[in-house]
N, C-alpha and C. Protein backbone atom coordinates (compact mmCIF):
# COMPACT_ATOMS: atom_id res chain seq x y z
N MET A 1 -18.30 30.79 -137.93
CA MET A 1 -17.96 29.68 -137.70
C MET A 1 -18.33 28.83 -138.90
N THR A 2 -17.91 27.49 -138.52
CA THR A 2 -18.29 26.32 -139.30
C THR A 2 -18.58 25.18 -138.67
N ILE A 3 -19.72 24.86 -138.90
CA ILE A 3 -20.45 23.41 -137.91
C ILE A 3 -21.13 22.49 -138.95
N SER A 4 -20.36 21.15 -139.32
CA SER A 4 -21.31 20.44 -140.20
C SER A 4 -23.05 20.43 -140.02
N PRO A 5 -23.67 20.22 -140.95
CA PRO A 5 -25.18 20.35 -140.48
C PRO A 5 -25.63 19.07 -139.62
N SER A 6 -24.77 18.01 -139.62
CA SER A 6 -24.91 16.66 -139.21
C SER A 6 -24.57 17.16 -137.55
N SER A 7 -23.54 18.10 -137.04
CA SER A 7 -22.76 18.36 -135.89
C SER A 7 -23.60 19.45 -135.31
N GLU A 8 -24.88 20.36 -136.02
CA GLU A 8 -25.28 21.56 -135.68
C GLU A 8 -25.95 21.51 -134.11
N GLU A 9 -26.61 20.22 -134.00
CA GLU A 9 -27.38 20.11 -132.68
C GLU A 9 -26.79 20.15 -131.84
N SER A 10 -25.80 18.66 -131.87
CA SER A 10 -24.68 18.40 -131.11
C SER A 10 -23.49 19.49 -130.23
N VAL A 11 -23.58 20.51 -130.88
CA VAL A 11 -22.58 21.35 -130.44
C VAL A 11 -23.01 22.47 -129.65
N PHE A 12 -22.61 22.76 -128.09
CA PHE A 12 -23.31 23.48 -127.33
C PHE A 12 -22.19 24.60 -127.15
N ILE A 13 -22.76 25.55 -127.25
CA ILE A 13 -22.10 26.91 -127.10
C ILE A 13 -22.93 27.96 -126.04
N HIS A 14 -21.78 28.41 -124.85
CA HIS A 14 -22.63 28.81 -124.17
C HIS A 14 -22.94 30.32 -124.58
N PRO A 15 -23.99 31.01 -124.14
CA PRO A 15 -24.47 32.05 -124.67
C PRO A 15 -23.38 33.44 -124.35
N THR A 16 -22.68 33.38 -123.37
CA THR A 16 -21.78 34.36 -123.54
C THR A 16 -20.50 34.23 -123.93
N ALA A 17 -20.11 33.19 -124.76
CA ALA A 17 -19.24 32.84 -125.61
C ALA A 17 -19.06 33.34 -127.01
N VAL A 18 -17.80 33.64 -127.27
CA VAL A 18 -17.71 34.50 -128.70
C VAL A 18 -17.13 33.65 -129.55
N ILE A 19 -17.64 33.50 -130.66
CA ILE A 19 -17.32 32.49 -131.60
C ILE A 19 -17.04 32.98 -132.92
N ASP A 20 -16.05 33.48 -133.59
CA ASP A 20 -16.03 34.27 -134.57
C ASP A 20 -16.29 33.57 -136.14
N GLU A 21 -16.30 34.44 -136.95
CA GLU A 21 -16.33 33.53 -138.23
C GLU A 21 -14.99 33.04 -138.72
N GLY A 22 -15.17 32.06 -139.42
CA GLY A 22 -13.90 31.28 -139.73
C GLY A 22 -13.14 30.37 -139.19
N CYS A 23 -13.83 29.77 -137.54
CA CYS A 23 -13.29 28.85 -137.09
C CYS A 23 -14.06 27.68 -137.21
N VAL A 24 -13.74 26.40 -137.34
CA VAL A 24 -14.29 25.14 -137.37
C VAL A 24 -14.46 24.31 -136.14
N ILE A 25 -15.95 24.10 -135.70
CA ILE A 25 -16.11 23.18 -134.47
C ILE A 25 -16.56 22.10 -134.75
N GLY A 26 -16.00 21.10 -134.37
CA GLY A 26 -16.52 19.14 -134.51
C GLY A 26 -17.81 18.84 -133.70
N GLU A 27 -18.29 17.96 -134.04
CA GLU A 27 -19.75 17.24 -133.23
C GLU A 27 -19.43 17.15 -132.26
N GLY A 28 -20.31 17.29 -131.24
CA GLY A 28 -20.22 16.95 -129.78
C GLY A 28 -19.42 18.17 -128.88
N THR A 29 -18.84 18.89 -129.42
CA THR A 29 -17.66 20.08 -128.65
C THR A 29 -18.64 21.07 -127.79
N LYS A 30 -18.42 21.03 -126.85
CA LYS A 30 -19.10 21.86 -125.80
C LYS A 30 -17.79 23.23 -125.51
N ILE A 31 -18.41 24.38 -125.67
CA ILE A 31 -17.84 25.47 -125.13
C ILE A 31 -18.58 26.35 -124.18
N TRP A 32 -17.51 26.76 -122.76
CA TRP A 32 -18.58 27.30 -122.04
C TRP A 32 -18.36 28.60 -121.68
N HIS A 33 -18.44 28.78 -120.75
CA HIS A 33 -18.83 30.43 -120.23
C HIS A 33 -17.76 31.42 -120.78
N PHE A 34 -17.85 32.54 -121.51
CA PHE A 34 -16.94 33.66 -121.43
C PHE A 34 -15.22 32.99 -122.65
N CYS A 35 -15.96 32.09 -123.37
CA CYS A 35 -14.44 31.71 -124.30
C CYS A 35 -14.32 32.58 -125.20
N HIS A 36 -13.37 32.79 -126.20
CA HIS A 36 -13.64 33.43 -127.24
C HIS A 36 -13.02 32.50 -128.32
N ILE A 37 -13.33 32.02 -129.00
CA ILE A 37 -12.72 31.25 -130.30
C ILE A 37 -12.54 32.42 -131.31
N MET A 38 -11.13 32.43 -131.95
CA MET A 38 -10.75 32.85 -133.44
C MET A 38 -10.93 32.46 -134.28
N PRO A 39 -10.46 33.54 -135.23
CA PRO A 39 -10.61 32.70 -136.83
C PRO A 39 -9.73 32.27 -137.14
N GLY A 40 -9.91 30.81 -137.90
CA GLY A 40 -8.93 30.40 -138.45
C GLY A 40 -8.65 29.17 -137.49
N SER A 41 -9.04 28.84 -136.32
CA SER A 41 -8.70 27.80 -135.21
C SER A 41 -9.65 26.92 -135.57
N THR A 42 -9.37 25.35 -135.25
CA THR A 42 -9.89 24.32 -135.86
C THR A 42 -10.50 23.33 -134.47
N ILE A 43 -11.22 23.01 -133.83
CA ILE A 43 -11.78 22.33 -132.43
C ILE A 43 -12.37 20.92 -133.13
N GLY A 44 -11.73 19.92 -132.74
CA GLY A 44 -12.16 18.59 -133.08
C GLY A 44 -13.38 18.21 -132.45
N LYS A 45 -13.84 17.18 -133.00
CA LYS A 45 -15.05 16.37 -132.17
C LYS A 45 -14.43 16.25 -130.59
N GLY A 46 -15.96 16.30 -130.10
CA GLY A 46 -16.15 15.76 -128.25
C GLY A 46 -15.20 16.59 -127.63
N CYS A 47 -14.50 17.83 -128.27
CA CYS A 47 -13.93 18.28 -127.19
C CYS A 47 -14.67 19.17 -125.92
N ASN A 48 -14.01 19.57 -124.72
CA ASN A 48 -14.84 20.17 -124.33
C ASN A 48 -13.69 21.38 -123.69
N ILE A 49 -14.26 22.88 -123.79
CA ILE A 49 -13.50 23.91 -123.58
C ILE A 49 -14.06 24.87 -122.31
N GLY A 50 -13.34 24.71 -121.23
CA GLY A 50 -13.70 25.35 -119.83
C GLY A 50 -14.03 26.95 -120.14
N GLN A 51 -14.41 27.23 -118.81
CA GLN A 51 -14.89 28.78 -118.72
C GLN A 51 -13.24 29.38 -119.27
N ASN A 52 -13.47 31.00 -119.40
CA ASN A 52 -12.52 31.97 -119.41
C ASN A 52 -11.10 31.39 -120.43
N VAL A 53 -11.54 30.44 -121.64
CA VAL A 53 -10.73 30.27 -122.83
C VAL A 53 -10.40 30.69 -123.93
N VAL A 54 -8.96 31.23 -124.31
CA VAL A 54 -8.93 32.23 -125.09
C VAL A 54 -8.44 31.04 -126.41
N ILE A 55 -9.18 30.57 -127.39
CA ILE A 55 -8.02 29.83 -128.64
C ILE A 55 -7.97 30.89 -129.77
N SER A 56 -6.66 31.06 -129.96
CA SER A 56 -6.27 31.94 -131.18
C SER A 56 -6.54 31.48 -132.27
N PRO A 57 -6.10 32.48 -133.45
CA PRO A 57 -5.83 32.29 -135.13
C PRO A 57 -5.21 30.89 -134.95
N GLN A 58 -5.54 29.91 -136.03
CA GLN A 58 -4.65 28.76 -136.91
C GLN A 58 -4.56 27.76 -135.59
N VAL A 59 -4.90 27.75 -134.19
CA VAL A 59 -4.50 26.65 -133.16
C VAL A 59 -5.48 25.58 -133.71
N VAL A 60 -4.68 24.30 -133.63
CA VAL A 60 -5.52 23.31 -133.95
C VAL A 60 -5.82 22.13 -132.69
N LEU A 61 -6.95 21.71 -132.37
CA LEU A 61 -7.12 20.71 -131.33
C LEU A 61 -7.89 19.64 -131.99
N GLY A 62 -7.30 18.54 -131.51
CA GLY A 62 -8.06 17.07 -132.02
C GLY A 62 -8.96 16.91 -131.64
N ASN A 63 -9.38 15.34 -131.83
CA ASN A 63 -10.84 15.25 -130.92
C ASN A 63 -10.57 14.66 -129.52
N ASN A 64 -11.35 14.91 -128.80
CA ASN A 64 -11.55 14.76 -127.47
C ASN A 64 -10.53 15.56 -126.32
N VAL A 65 -10.45 16.36 -127.08
CA VAL A 65 -9.48 17.27 -125.79
C VAL A 65 -10.07 18.28 -124.80
N LYS A 66 -9.61 17.87 -123.48
CA LYS A 66 -10.31 18.47 -122.48
C LYS A 66 -9.41 19.84 -122.32
N VAL A 67 -9.71 21.03 -121.98
CA VAL A 67 -9.39 22.34 -122.00
C VAL A 67 -10.31 22.61 -120.94
N GLN A 68 -9.32 22.96 -119.68
CA GLN A 68 -9.80 23.60 -118.37
C GLN A 68 -9.99 24.72 -118.49
N ASN A 69 -10.25 25.42 -117.35
CA ASN A 69 -10.40 26.98 -117.18
C ASN A 69 -9.80 27.55 -117.48
N ASN A 70 -9.70 28.81 -117.85
CA ASN A 70 -8.67 29.90 -117.56
C ASN A 70 -7.43 29.74 -118.23
N VAL A 71 -7.38 28.90 -119.48
CA VAL A 71 -6.03 28.68 -120.44
C VAL A 71 -6.45 29.41 -121.82
N SER A 72 -5.18 29.96 -122.04
CA SER A 72 -4.91 30.38 -123.56
C SER A 72 -4.38 29.89 -124.32
N ILE A 73 -5.03 29.37 -125.79
CA ILE A 73 -3.96 28.65 -126.77
C ILE A 73 -3.65 29.58 -127.55
N TYR A 74 -2.50 29.98 -128.03
CA TYR A 74 -1.69 30.82 -128.62
C TYR A 74 -1.43 30.44 -129.92
N THR A 75 -1.51 31.13 -131.33
CA THR A 75 -1.53 30.67 -132.40
C THR A 75 0.03 29.94 -132.44
N GLY A 76 0.09 28.85 -133.38
CA GLY A 76 1.25 27.97 -133.16
C GLY A 76 1.15 26.95 -132.59
N VAL A 77 0.15 26.62 -131.43
CA VAL A 77 0.06 25.68 -130.92
C VAL A 77 -1.04 24.70 -131.61
N THR A 78 -0.40 23.32 -131.83
CA THR A 78 -1.12 21.95 -132.13
C THR A 78 -1.18 21.12 -131.30
N CYS A 79 -2.25 20.46 -130.87
CA CYS A 79 -2.76 19.43 -129.93
C CYS A 79 -3.59 18.10 -130.31
N ALA A 80 -2.91 17.14 -130.50
CA ALA A 80 -3.07 15.92 -131.26
C ALA A 80 -4.50 15.40 -130.33
N ASP A 81 -4.93 14.53 -130.67
CA ASP A 81 -6.44 13.86 -129.92
C ASP A 81 -6.20 13.53 -128.37
N ASP A 82 -7.19 13.74 -127.56
CA ASP A 82 -7.05 13.04 -126.10
C ASP A 82 -6.28 13.92 -125.23
N VAL A 83 -6.10 14.94 -125.54
CA VAL A 83 -5.19 15.86 -124.77
C VAL A 83 -5.74 16.52 -123.45
N PHE A 84 -4.70 16.62 -122.32
CA PHE A 84 -5.81 17.46 -121.24
C PHE A 84 -4.42 18.86 -121.19
N LEU A 85 -5.47 19.55 -120.96
CA LEU A 85 -4.89 20.96 -120.59
C LEU A 85 -5.72 21.56 -119.31
N GLY A 86 -4.86 21.48 -118.01
CA GLY A 86 -4.91 21.46 -116.93
C GLY A 86 -5.41 23.30 -116.51
N PRO A 87 -6.02 23.34 -115.52
CA PRO A 87 -6.57 24.79 -115.48
C PRO A 87 -5.35 25.68 -115.15
N SER A 88 -5.85 26.92 -115.93
CA SER A 88 -4.79 27.92 -115.84
C SER A 88 -3.16 27.46 -116.28
N MET A 89 -3.35 26.89 -117.09
CA MET A 89 -1.53 26.08 -117.80
C MET A 89 -1.60 27.52 -118.72
N VAL A 90 -0.26 27.53 -119.13
CA VAL A 90 0.23 28.88 -120.23
C VAL A 90 0.97 27.87 -121.01
N PHE A 91 0.71 28.43 -122.46
CA PHE A 91 1.23 28.56 -123.45
C PHE A 91 2.17 29.63 -123.78
N THR A 92 3.19 30.08 -124.45
CA THR A 92 4.10 30.63 -124.96
C THR A 92 3.98 30.85 -126.74
N ASN A 93 4.06 31.85 -127.48
CA ASN A 93 4.60 31.64 -128.77
C ASN A 93 5.76 32.40 -129.67
N VAL A 94 6.34 33.17 -128.78
CA VAL A 94 7.48 33.85 -129.13
C VAL A 94 8.52 33.96 -127.38
N SER A 95 9.89 33.36 -127.99
CA SER A 95 10.84 33.45 -127.07
C SER A 95 11.62 34.92 -126.43
N ASN A 96 11.28 35.25 -127.24
CA ASN A 96 11.69 37.06 -126.83
C ASN A 96 10.80 38.06 -126.82
N PRO A 97 9.89 37.95 -126.52
CA PRO A 97 8.40 39.37 -126.76
C PRO A 97 9.18 40.43 -126.22
N ARG A 98 8.69 41.45 -126.90
CA ARG A 98 8.89 42.84 -126.41
C ARG A 98 7.34 43.73 -126.63
N SER A 99 7.06 44.39 -126.00
CA SER A 99 5.70 45.23 -126.20
C SER A 99 6.21 46.01 -127.76
N ALA A 100 7.37 46.51 -127.67
CA ALA A 100 7.71 47.68 -128.48
C ALA A 100 8.08 46.92 -130.07
N VAL A 101 7.84 45.77 -130.01
CA VAL A 101 8.64 45.21 -131.27
C VAL A 101 7.94 43.97 -131.64
N ASN A 102 7.05 44.01 -132.79
CA ASN A 102 6.32 43.19 -133.73
C ASN A 102 7.08 42.11 -133.87
N ARG A 103 6.47 40.93 -133.48
CA ARG A 103 7.24 39.56 -133.36
C ARG A 103 6.17 38.28 -133.97
N ARG A 104 5.09 38.83 -134.46
CA ARG A 104 4.01 37.91 -135.27
C ARG A 104 4.60 37.03 -136.30
N SER A 105 5.37 37.49 -137.23
CA SER A 105 6.10 36.48 -137.92
C SER A 105 6.75 35.58 -137.61
N GLN A 106 7.30 35.51 -135.86
CA GLN A 106 8.41 34.62 -135.13
C GLN A 106 7.99 33.88 -134.09
N TYR A 107 6.07 33.53 -134.57
CA TYR A 107 5.83 32.53 -133.62
C TYR A 107 6.65 31.21 -133.87
N GLU A 108 6.43 30.34 -132.38
CA GLU A 108 7.42 29.48 -132.77
C GLU A 108 6.39 28.22 -132.36
N PRO A 109 6.36 27.23 -133.33
CA PRO A 109 5.28 26.17 -133.03
C PRO A 109 5.79 25.64 -131.76
N THR A 110 4.69 24.71 -131.31
CA THR A 110 4.27 24.15 -130.04
C THR A 110 3.56 22.83 -130.66
N TYR A 111 4.05 21.64 -130.18
CA TYR A 111 2.95 20.71 -131.03
C TYR A 111 2.82 19.40 -129.40
N VAL A 112 1.82 19.13 -129.24
CA VAL A 112 1.41 18.51 -127.69
C VAL A 112 0.78 16.97 -128.45
N GLY A 113 1.50 16.20 -128.28
CA GLY A 113 1.25 14.76 -128.44
C GLY A 113 -0.25 14.09 -127.78
N LYS A 114 -0.37 12.91 -129.14
CA LYS A 114 -1.49 12.12 -128.72
C LYS A 114 -1.99 12.10 -127.13
N GLY A 115 -2.95 12.34 -126.24
CA GLY A 115 -3.09 11.45 -125.09
C GLY A 115 -2.06 12.32 -123.73
N ALA A 116 -1.30 13.24 -124.16
CA ALA A 116 -0.57 13.98 -123.24
C ALA A 116 -1.64 14.90 -122.51
N SER A 117 -0.89 14.96 -121.15
CA SER A 117 -1.64 15.43 -119.96
C SER A 117 -0.90 16.97 -119.48
N ILE A 118 -1.23 18.17 -119.26
CA ILE A 118 -0.29 19.11 -118.56
C ILE A 118 -0.91 19.66 -117.20
N GLY A 119 -0.35 19.68 -116.50
CA GLY A 119 -1.17 20.05 -114.93
C GLY A 119 -1.48 21.70 -114.87
N ALA A 120 -2.21 21.43 -113.69
CA ALA A 120 -2.66 22.93 -113.66
C ALA A 120 -1.44 23.81 -113.19
N ASN A 121 -1.25 25.28 -114.02
CA ASN A 121 -0.58 26.23 -114.06
C ASN A 121 0.87 25.77 -114.25
N ALA A 122 0.86 24.89 -115.02
CA ALA A 122 1.99 24.64 -116.08
C ALA A 122 2.47 25.70 -116.96
N THR A 123 4.06 25.75 -117.08
CA THR A 123 4.34 26.85 -118.65
C THR A 123 4.75 26.10 -119.34
N ILE A 124 4.74 26.20 -120.62
CA ILE A 124 5.19 25.52 -122.02
C ILE A 124 5.50 26.29 -122.83
N VAL A 125 7.05 26.39 -122.82
CA VAL A 125 7.48 27.28 -123.48
C VAL A 125 7.68 27.19 -125.01
N CYS A 126 7.65 28.23 -125.74
CA CYS A 126 7.72 27.80 -127.18
C CYS A 126 8.42 27.18 -127.76
N GLY A 127 8.28 26.57 -128.92
CA GLY A 127 8.99 25.68 -129.61
C GLY A 127 9.68 24.12 -129.62
N ASN A 128 8.59 23.83 -128.66
CA ASN A 128 8.85 22.54 -128.11
C ASN A 128 7.68 21.28 -128.35
N THR A 129 7.95 20.22 -128.65
CA THR A 129 7.21 19.06 -128.51
C THR A 129 7.27 18.26 -127.24
N ILE A 130 5.66 18.42 -127.20
CA ILE A 130 5.68 17.11 -125.69
C ILE A 130 4.91 15.98 -126.30
N GLY A 131 5.50 14.42 -126.22
CA GLY A 131 5.37 13.58 -126.91
C GLY A 131 4.20 12.87 -126.44
N ASP A 132 3.42 11.82 -127.30
CA ASP A 132 2.38 11.11 -127.23
C ASP A 132 2.62 10.78 -125.58
N TYR A 133 1.21 10.95 -124.86
CA TYR A 133 1.08 10.31 -123.45
C TYR A 133 1.59 10.81 -122.31
N ALA A 134 2.78 11.91 -122.99
CA ALA A 134 3.14 12.55 -121.42
C ALA A 134 2.57 12.95 -120.69
N PHE A 135 3.28 13.78 -119.58
CA PHE A 135 2.74 13.74 -118.08
C PHE A 135 3.46 14.96 -117.77
N ILE A 136 2.43 16.14 -118.04
CA ILE A 136 3.71 17.26 -117.02
C ILE A 136 2.80 17.99 -115.53
N GLY A 137 3.73 17.80 -114.84
CA GLY A 137 2.89 18.21 -113.39
C GLY A 137 2.43 19.49 -113.45
N ALA A 138 1.68 19.80 -112.41
CA ALA A 138 1.05 20.82 -112.01
C ALA A 138 2.29 21.75 -111.54
N GLY A 139 2.70 23.18 -112.10
CA GLY A 139 3.19 23.94 -112.44
C GLY A 139 4.66 23.72 -112.90
N ALA A 140 4.68 23.15 -113.35
CA ALA A 140 6.11 22.72 -114.45
C ALA A 140 6.18 23.66 -115.28
N VAL A 141 7.95 24.14 -115.52
CA VAL A 141 8.15 24.89 -116.84
C VAL A 141 8.75 23.96 -117.84
N VAL A 142 8.10 23.65 -118.72
CA VAL A 142 8.83 22.88 -119.93
C VAL A 142 9.35 23.95 -120.89
N THR A 143 10.68 23.60 -120.95
CA THR A 143 11.99 24.35 -121.83
C THR A 143 12.56 23.64 -122.90
N LYS A 144 12.13 22.10 -123.00
CA LYS A 144 12.82 21.75 -124.07
C LYS A 144 11.73 20.35 -124.56
N ASN A 145 12.04 19.80 -125.46
CA ASN A 145 11.42 18.46 -125.78
C ASN A 145 11.16 17.44 -124.66
N ILE A 146 9.89 16.82 -125.09
CA ILE A 146 9.51 15.71 -123.96
C ILE A 146 9.13 14.51 -124.63
N PRO A 147 9.43 13.59 -124.02
CA PRO A 147 9.91 11.88 -124.87
C PRO A 147 8.05 11.75 -124.70
N PRO A 148 7.92 10.53 -125.71
CA PRO A 148 6.48 10.22 -125.21
C PRO A 148 6.21 9.28 -124.15
N TYR A 149 5.39 9.26 -122.98
CA TYR A 149 5.67 8.52 -121.93
C TYR A 149 6.11 9.07 -120.83
N ALA A 150 6.64 10.32 -121.36
CA ALA A 150 7.72 10.56 -119.77
C ALA A 150 6.98 11.34 -118.98
N LEU A 151 7.18 11.64 -117.64
CA LEU A 151 7.02 12.27 -116.38
C LEU A 151 7.97 13.48 -116.32
N PHE A 152 7.44 14.95 -116.25
CA PHE A 152 7.76 15.88 -116.08
C PHE A 152 7.75 16.69 -114.86
N VAL A 153 8.31 17.08 -114.28
CA VAL A 153 8.05 18.08 -113.14
C VAL A 153 9.02 19.28 -112.80
N GLY A 154 8.48 20.10 -111.94
CA GLY A 154 9.47 21.21 -111.56
C GLY A 154 9.54 22.33 -112.61
N ASN A 155 10.64 23.34 -111.84
CA ASN A 155 10.70 24.59 -112.61
C ASN A 155 12.58 24.80 -112.64
N PRO A 156 13.16 24.18 -113.69
CA PRO A 156 12.57 23.92 -115.16
C PRO A 156 12.49 22.40 -115.14
N ALA A 157 11.79 21.78 -116.02
CA ALA A 157 11.02 20.66 -115.65
C ALA A 157 12.18 19.66 -115.92
N ARG A 158 12.01 18.74 -114.99
CA ARG A 158 13.16 17.36 -115.24
C ARG A 158 12.23 16.17 -115.26
N GLN A 159 12.77 15.52 -116.06
CA GLN A 159 12.05 13.77 -115.65
C GLN A 159 12.52 13.42 -114.50
N ILE A 160 11.49 12.34 -114.30
CA ILE A 160 11.53 11.85 -112.75
C ILE A 160 10.60 10.12 -113.04
N GLY A 161 10.36 9.82 -114.28
CA GLY A 161 10.10 8.68 -114.44
C GLY A 161 9.53 8.63 -116.03
N TRP A 162 8.42 7.52 -115.80
CA TRP A 162 7.71 7.38 -117.03
C TRP A 162 6.37 6.86 -116.72
N ILE A 163 5.39 7.00 -117.56
CA ILE A 163 4.22 6.61 -117.22
C ILE A 163 2.89 6.12 -118.37
N SER A 164 2.17 5.31 -117.72
CA SER A 164 1.37 4.63 -118.99
C SER A 164 0.03 5.62 -119.39
N ALA A 165 -0.05 4.92 -120.25
CA ALA A 165 -1.33 6.24 -121.21
C ALA A 165 -2.44 6.26 -120.50
N TYR A 166 -2.67 5.12 -119.03
CA TYR A 166 -3.86 5.38 -118.37
C TYR A 166 -2.84 6.29 -116.91
N GLY A 167 -1.81 6.95 -117.20
CA GLY A 167 -1.79 7.92 -116.03
C GLY A 167 -1.03 7.18 -114.88
N HIS A 168 -0.23 6.01 -114.83
CA HIS A 168 0.34 5.46 -113.95
C HIS A 168 1.72 5.14 -113.80
N ARG A 169 2.68 5.53 -113.17
CA ARG A 169 3.80 5.43 -113.02
C ARG A 169 4.20 4.13 -113.41
N LEU A 170 5.33 4.03 -114.18
CA LEU A 170 5.91 2.51 -114.56
C LEU A 170 7.11 2.27 -113.96
N SER A 171 6.92 1.03 -113.41
CA SER A 171 7.82 0.48 -112.63
C SER A 171 8.67 -0.81 -113.28
N PHE A 172 10.00 -0.46 -114.14
CA PHE A 172 10.38 -1.46 -115.13
C PHE A 172 11.60 -2.60 -114.01
N ASP A 173 11.06 -3.46 -115.19
CA ASP A 173 11.69 -4.92 -114.29
C ASP A 173 13.21 -4.76 -114.96
N ALA A 174 14.08 -5.87 -114.40
CA ALA A 174 15.26 -5.88 -114.92
C ALA A 174 15.44 -6.10 -116.76
N THR A 175 14.37 -6.59 -116.96
CA THR A 175 14.51 -7.32 -118.73
C THR A 175 13.71 -5.72 -119.52
N GLY A 176 13.69 -4.83 -118.62
CA GLY A 176 13.12 -3.36 -119.17
C GLY A 176 11.90 -3.15 -119.52
N LYS A 177 11.02 -4.10 -118.75
CA LYS A 177 9.38 -4.21 -118.84
C LYS A 177 8.40 -3.86 -118.05
N ALA A 178 7.62 -3.19 -118.17
CA ALA A 178 6.54 -2.67 -116.93
C ALA A 178 5.33 -2.72 -117.22
N THR A 179 4.48 -3.12 -116.50
CA THR A 179 3.11 -3.35 -116.83
C THR A 179 2.21 -2.15 -115.94
N CYS A 180 1.21 -1.49 -117.01
CA CYS A 180 0.18 -0.71 -116.00
C CYS A 180 -1.09 -1.30 -115.23
N PRO A 181 -0.93 -0.84 -114.39
CA PRO A 181 -1.74 -1.86 -113.30
C PRO A 181 -3.40 -1.67 -113.29
N GLU A 182 -3.60 -0.68 -114.44
CA GLU A 182 -4.96 -0.37 -114.56
C GLU A 182 -5.36 -1.05 -115.95
N SER A 183 -4.69 -1.03 -116.95
CA SER A 183 -5.07 -1.69 -118.42
C SER A 183 -4.51 -2.91 -118.54
N GLY A 184 -3.48 -3.32 -117.77
CA GLY A 184 -2.55 -4.25 -117.89
C GLY A 184 -1.67 -4.31 -119.30
N GLY A 185 -1.53 -3.16 -119.64
CA GLY A 185 -0.60 -3.15 -120.85
C GLY A 185 0.56 -3.04 -120.57
N ILE A 186 1.29 -4.47 -121.46
CA ILE A 186 3.06 -3.93 -121.13
C ILE A 186 4.14 -2.96 -122.11
N TYR A 187 4.98 -2.18 -121.29
CA TYR A 187 5.66 -1.41 -122.14
C TYR A 187 7.29 -1.91 -121.82
N GLU A 188 7.85 -1.32 -122.53
CA GLU A 188 9.48 -1.69 -122.82
C GLU A 188 10.41 -0.45 -122.65
N LEU A 189 11.37 -0.61 -121.90
CA LEU A 189 12.33 0.86 -121.64
C LEU A 189 13.53 0.58 -122.80
N LYS A 190 13.36 0.93 -123.95
CA LYS A 190 14.96 0.60 -124.59
C LYS A 190 15.61 1.83 -125.41
N ASN A 191 16.81 1.82 -124.80
CA ASN A 191 17.63 2.93 -125.43
C ASN A 191 17.26 4.28 -124.76
N GLY A 192 16.64 4.15 -123.73
CA GLY A 192 16.23 5.72 -123.22
C GLY A 192 14.75 5.90 -123.38
N SER A 193 14.36 5.43 -124.44
CA SER A 193 12.83 5.50 -125.06
C SER A 193 11.71 4.39 -124.49
N VAL A 194 10.49 4.91 -124.00
CA VAL A 194 9.31 3.69 -123.95
C VAL A 194 8.26 3.31 -125.23
N SER A 195 7.90 2.43 -125.02
CA SER A 195 7.20 2.18 -126.31
C SER A 195 6.05 1.04 -125.76
N VAL A 196 5.01 0.96 -126.15
CA VAL A 196 4.02 -0.27 -125.69
C VAL A 196 4.59 -1.41 -126.48
N VAL A 197 4.61 -2.69 -125.98
CA VAL A 197 4.67 -4.04 -126.29
C VAL A 197 3.50 -4.46 -126.76
N GLU A 198 2.44 -4.66 -125.89
CA GLU A 198 1.31 -5.36 -125.97
C GLU A 198 0.17 -4.39 -125.11
């Protein structure tokens, strides 16, 4: 594993965790009980990797990613900064797996955008992109791309609204504007997509 000299003292790795050679771990990251971090994976700064997490080769986690217990992050997955992965949520990386057919050359990429949250026991089918600050409800099954700031629930996951970067449901007025009750940030809904106005 690679830890920069300035980061060595700030990285916490529980004695039961298995950290393979050839992975990169950022400053201030904590890796808890019974985790396995595989070669070629990259974990950013300030991440928290919960109990019984597997991070496969070539996975990339940005800074301040929170991975809760019992999550497996398979090759092909990239998470941007500030992503939250809820307990026991699931990624896939092959659309048509068969035990007798080797499909390692057919892994499909999955990208999770900055600040997005994926709820407990949700499933993310490979080959899709989850937009920045999107929110996937507990138990949802994502089978398509998710727009930024979108709120999706159910199986298959369907959109039921929009959500702020602080995780509050947005209620848009007649002008297409909404205010986050916590941050005071103003959002605009225009042509089916949401952006921050100020």
